[in-house]
Amino acid sequence: MSQLSRLISILTILRSKRLLTAPELADKYHVSVRTIYRDIRKLEEAGIPVTTIEGRGYSLMEGYQVAPVQFTEKEANALITAQHLVSQSKDASFAKDFQEALTKIKSVFRTSILEKSELLDSKIHVFDWDYEDISSNALSEIQLAITNLNFVEINYQKADDPNITFRKIEPYAFYSTNHKWILIAWCHFRNDYRAFRIDRIKHFKILQEQFKDRKFTLQDYFKYDSYEH
């Protein structure tokens, strides 16, 4: 976990009115007590009123509220434009999750910004001239498998091949090209890295079993591309 993520998490816990000691926080985030001391100082330097109750732990000053996030009109417009681009992604799960996230973000828009963003929404259209059926509904789930290092079992059908093959894979990364989402994974059937089009995965199952990270990088992969069309 990065320091920024840890600071946000600590602030979230303190906002819940809990009293926490430095050793408790150190144990929770698997860092040293000294690191927690530095984190608390960082929060204080950022203007967060962290109070220390001798012998009991840290808390936030009574009545303190984190200021709501404010978006400029241009930032709101960028999100609205992104919504239209995401709708062309061809993966239903990804589009649905983005739409739900955007709905939550819109809830903090100022009224004037919200009205203008809705106006802009009606004035954007993205044409799609690709008539190939490349729809899918797996991206969001497989993204979780990537970040949690979970094995995935898939039934995969290559182009111009009526046969469907079973693969057990270690998912590592995605890239998108021509509206197609490509999953890069270590394939235990091929014993090598392979790229799979998400829309050609006929069935998938995320396993609880985790794999050991092979320290995959996109930069290295693209030097030796092996694409399972």
Protein backbone atom coordinates (compact mmCIF):
# COMPACT_ATOMS: atom_id res chain seq x y z
CA MET A 1 0.00 0.00 0.00
CA SER A 2 1.35 3.44 -0.93
CA GLN A 3 1.71 6.18 1.68
CA LEU A 4 -1.12 8.18 0.07
CA SER A 5 -3.50 5.20 0.23
CA ARG A 6 -2.51 4.59 3.84
CA LEU A 7 -3.07 8.24 4.81
CA ILE A 8 -6.54 8.22 3.23
CA SER A 9 -7.35 4.97 5.03
CA ILE A 10 -6.16 6.31 8.41
CA LEU A 11 -8.22 9.46 7.92
CA THR A 12 -11.29 7.36 7.08
CA ILE A 13 -10.88 5.32 10.26
CA LEU A 14 -10.37 8.44 12.40
CA ARG A 15 -13.54 9.95 10.89
CA SER A 16 -15.45 6.95 12.24
CA LYS A 17 -14.77 8.37 15.75
CA ARG A 18 -12.59 5.43 16.72
CA LEU A 19 -9.61 5.91 19.03
CA LEU A 20 -6.54 4.19 17.61
CA THR A 21 -3.03 3.81 18.95
CA ALA A 22 0.10 3.91 16.82
CA PRO A 23 0.83 0.19 17.46
CA GLU A 24 -2.70 -0.73 16.34
CA LEU A 25 -2.30 1.24 13.12
CA ALA A 26 1.18 -0.18 12.54
CA ASP A 27 -0.18 -3.71 12.90
CA LYS A 28 -3.13 -3.00 10.59
CA TYR A 29 -0.96 -1.62 7.78
CA HIS A 30 2.07 -3.84 8.37
CA VAL A 31 4.44 -0.93 8.90
CA SER A 32 6.54 0.27 11.80
CA VAL A 33 5.25 2.49 14.62
CA ARG A 34 7.78 5.10 13.46
CA THR A 35 6.10 5.10 10.04
CA ILE A 36 2.71 5.73 11.68
CA TYR A 37 4.19 8.67 13.59
CA ARG A 38 5.33 10.13 10.25
CA ASP A 39 1.89 9.51 8.74
CA ILE A 40 0.17 11.35 11.59
CA ARG A 41 2.56 14.28 11.11
CA LYS A 42 1.73 14.32 7.39
CA LEU A 43 -1.98 14.55 8.20
CA GLU A 44 -1.33 17.38 10.67
CA GLU A 45 0.81 19.23 8.09
CA ALA A 46 -2.10 18.93 5.65
CA GLY A 47 -4.32 20.73 8.13
CA ILE A 48 -6.14 17.69 9.53
CA PRO A 49 -6.78 18.34 13.27
CA VAL A 50 -5.54 15.03 14.70
CA THR A 51 -5.57 15.06 18.49
CA THR A 52 -3.54 12.78 20.72
CA ILE A 53 -5.26 11.52 23.87
CA GLU A 54 -2.51 10.48 26.24
CA GLY A 55 -2.58 6.76 26.88
CA ARG A 56 -5.58 6.17 24.61
CA GLY A 57 -4.60 7.01 21.04
CA TYR A 58 -5.43 9.33 18.16
CA SER A 59 -8.75 10.91 17.17
CA LEU A 60 -10.05 13.80 15.11
CA MET A 61 -11.05 17.09 16.69
CA GLU A 62 -14.74 17.06 17.60
CA GLY A 63 -16.91 18.56 14.85
CA TYR A 64 -14.26 18.29 12.12
CA GLN A 65 -15.67 17.52 8.67
CA VAL A 66 -13.71 16.78 5.51
CA ALA A 67 -14.60 19.37 2.89
CA PRO A 68 -16.61 17.93 -0.02
CA VAL A 69 -14.80 17.47 -3.31
CA GLN A 70 -15.49 20.26 -5.79
CA PHE A 71 -15.24 19.83 -9.57
CA THR A 72 -14.64 22.61 -12.07
CA GLU A 73 -16.83 22.81 -15.17
CA LYS A 74 -13.99 21.54 -17.35
CA GLU A 75 -13.37 18.58 -15.02
CA ALA A 76 -17.09 17.73 -15.10
CA ASN A 77 -17.08 18.00 -18.90
CA ALA A 78 -14.12 15.61 -19.09
CA LEU A 79 -16.06 13.03 -17.06
CA ILE A 80 -19.16 13.41 -19.23
CA THR A 81 -17.04 12.98 -22.38
CA ALA A 82 -15.33 9.93 -20.87
CA GLN A 83 -18.77 8.44 -20.23
CA HIS A 84 -19.51 8.46 -23.97
CA LEU A 85 -16.13 6.90 -24.78
CA VAL A 86 -16.58 4.21 -22.13
CA SER A 87 -19.97 3.34 -23.58
CA GLN A 88 -18.07 2.20 -26.70
CA SER A 89 -15.89 -0.21 -24.72
CA LYS A 90 -18.12 -3.18 -25.67
CA ASP A 91 -17.83 -4.67 -22.17
CA ALA A 92 -21.12 -4.37 -20.29
CA SER A 93 -19.62 -4.85 -16.82
CA PHE A 94 -17.09 -2.05 -17.30
CA ALA A 95 -19.68 0.37 -18.74
CA LYS A 96 -22.11 -0.41 -15.90
CA ASP A 97 -19.49 0.12 -13.16
CA PHE A 98 -18.37 3.40 -14.74
CA GLN A 99 -21.96 4.63 -14.98
CA GLU A 100 -22.59 3.82 -11.30
CA ALA A 101 -19.35 5.55 -10.28
CA LEU A 102 -20.22 8.61 -12.35
CA THR A 103 -23.67 8.79 -10.74
CA LYS A 104 -21.99 8.98 -7.32
CA ILE A 105 -19.56 11.62 -8.57
CA LYS A 106 -22.40 13.70 -10.00
CA SER A 107 -24.02 13.76 -6.57
CA VAL A 108 -21.32 16.22 -5.40
CA PHE A 109 -21.53 18.49 -8.46
CA ARG A 110 -22.75 22.00 -7.72
CA THR A 111 -26.20 22.61 -9.23
CA SER A 112 -24.84 24.94 -11.92
CA ILE A 113 -22.14 22.42 -12.91
CA LEU A 114 -24.67 19.56 -12.97
CA GLU A 115 -27.04 21.48 -15.26
CA LYS A 116 -24.23 22.35 -17.70
CA SER A 117 -22.88 18.79 -17.66
CA GLU A 118 -26.36 17.45 -18.54
CA LEU A 119 -26.55 19.97 -21.40
CA LEU A 120 -23.17 18.82 -22.71
CA ASP A 121 -24.23 15.18 -22.35
CA SER A 122 -27.01 15.78 -24.89
CA LYS A 123 -24.57 17.33 -27.35
CA ILE A 124 -22.02 14.48 -27.61
CA HIS A 125 -22.21 11.43 -29.82
CA VAL A 126 -19.51 8.88 -30.58
CA PHE A 127 -19.94 7.00 -33.85
CA ASP A 128 -19.06 3.32 -33.99
CA TRP A 129 -18.58 1.89 -37.48
CA ASP A 130 -17.37 -1.52 -36.29
CA TYR A 131 -20.15 -4.01 -37.02
CA GLU A 132 -18.31 -7.02 -35.58
CA ASP A 133 -19.95 -8.46 -32.46
CA ILE A 134 -17.28 -7.93 -29.81
CA SER A 135 -19.51 -7.54 -26.78
CA SER A 136 -18.45 -9.00 -23.44
CA ASN A 137 -19.37 -8.89 -19.77
CA ALA A 138 -16.22 -9.96 -17.93
CA LEU A 139 -13.86 -7.02 -17.68
CA SER A 140 -14.77 -5.81 -14.18
CA GLU A 141 -14.53 -9.26 -12.60
CA ILE A 142 -11.23 -10.10 -14.27
CA GLN A 143 -9.80 -6.75 -13.19
CA LEU A 144 -10.40 -7.87 -9.60
CA ALA A 145 -8.59 -11.13 -10.34
CA ILE A 146 -5.61 -9.12 -11.62
CA THR A 147 -5.32 -6.92 -8.53
CA ASN A 148 -5.92 -9.82 -6.11
CA LEU A 149 -3.72 -12.35 -7.96
CA ASN A 150 -6.51 -14.90 -8.38
CA PHE A 151 -6.32 -17.75 -10.88
CA VAL A 152 -9.02 -17.70 -13.55
CA GLU A 153 -10.43 -20.62 -15.50
CA ILE A 154 -11.74 -19.78 -18.96
CA ASN A 155 -13.36 -21.49 -21.94
CA TYR A 156 -11.85 -19.77 -24.96
CA GLN A 157 -12.66 -19.82 -28.67
CA LYS A 158 -10.08 -18.55 -31.14
CA ALA A 159 -11.00 -16.86 -34.41
CA ASP A 160 -12.15 -19.20 -37.19
CA ASP A 161 -12.01 -22.17 -34.85
CA PRO A 162 -15.24 -23.94 -33.81
CA ASN A 163 -13.48 -25.63 -30.91
CA ILE A 164 -13.56 -24.20 -27.39
CA THR A 165 -10.53 -24.89 -25.21
CA PHE A 166 -10.21 -24.85 -21.42
CA ARG A 167 -7.44 -22.70 -19.96
CA LYS A 168 -6.25 -21.98 -16.44
CA ILE A 169 -4.61 -18.57 -16.46
CA GLU A 170 -2.87 -16.01 -14.29
CA PRO A 171 -4.30 -12.63 -15.44
CA TYR A 172 -1.82 -9.76 -15.47
CA ALA A 173 -2.89 -6.83 -17.65
CA PHE A 174 -5.25 -5.40 -20.27
CA TYR A 175 -4.94 -3.28 -23.33
CA SER A 176 -7.59 -2.02 -25.73
CA THR A 177 -7.39 -1.71 -29.49
CA ASN A 178 -10.17 -1.04 -32.03
CA HIS A 179 -12.78 -1.36 -29.24
CA LYS A 180 -11.44 -4.82 -28.36
CA TRP A 181 -10.25 -5.60 -24.82
CA ILE A 182 -7.22 -7.87 -24.77
CA LEU A 183 -6.27 -9.78 -21.61
CA ILE A 184 -2.63 -10.69 -21.12
CA ALA A 185 -2.16 -13.73 -18.91
CA TRP A 186 0.17 -16.60 -18.12
CA CYS A 187 -1.45 -19.65 -19.71
CA HIS A 188 -0.82 -22.97 -17.98
CA PHE A 189 -1.93 -24.82 -21.12
CA ARG A 190 0.77 -23.12 -23.22
CA ASN A 191 3.18 -22.57 -20.32
CA ASP A 192 3.81 -19.04 -21.57
CA TYR A 193 2.23 -15.59 -21.73
CA ARG A 194 -0.74 -15.32 -24.07
CA ALA A 195 -3.20 -12.59 -25.06
CA PHE A 196 -6.92 -13.37 -25.08
CA ARG A 197 -9.73 -11.27 -26.53
CA ILE A 198 -12.26 -10.77 -23.75
CA ASP A 199 -15.21 -11.14 -26.13
CA ARG A 200 -13.99 -14.62 -27.09
CA ILE A 201 -14.03 -15.88 -23.51
CA LYS A 202 -17.22 -17.97 -23.51
CA HIS A 203 -17.20 -18.69 -19.79
CA PHE A 204 -14.94 -17.77 -16.89
CA LYS A 205 -14.57 -18.57 -13.22
CA ILE A 206 -12.52 -16.58 -10.71
CA LEU A 207 -10.83 -19.00 -8.30
CA GLN A 208 -10.05 -18.33 -4.65
CA GLU A 209 -6.62 -19.85 -5.27
CA GLN A 210 -3.92 -17.20 -5.69
CA PHE A 211 -0.82 -17.27 -7.85
CA LYS A 212 2.68 -15.93 -7.20
CA ASP A 213 3.32 -12.66 -9.04
CA ARG A 214 5.72 -13.18 -11.96
CA LYS A 215 6.59 -9.43 -11.99
CA PHE A 216 5.03 -9.04 -15.42
CA THR A 217 5.44 -5.70 -17.24
CA LEU A 218 3.69 -4.52 -20.39
CA GLN A 219 6.94 -3.11 -21.72
CA ASP A 220 8.63 -6.51 -21.68
CA TYR A 221 5.57 -8.27 -23.03
CA PHE A 222 5.24 -6.14 -26.15
CA LYS A 223 8.75 -7.13 -27.16
CA TYR A 224 7.59 -10.74 -27.51
CA ASP A 225 3.86 -10.56 -28.32
CA SER A 226 2.08 -13.92 -28.51
CA TYR A 227 -1.53 -13.18 -29.42
CA GLU A 228 -4.09 -16.00 -29.15
CA HIS A 229 -6.41 -14.77 -31.92
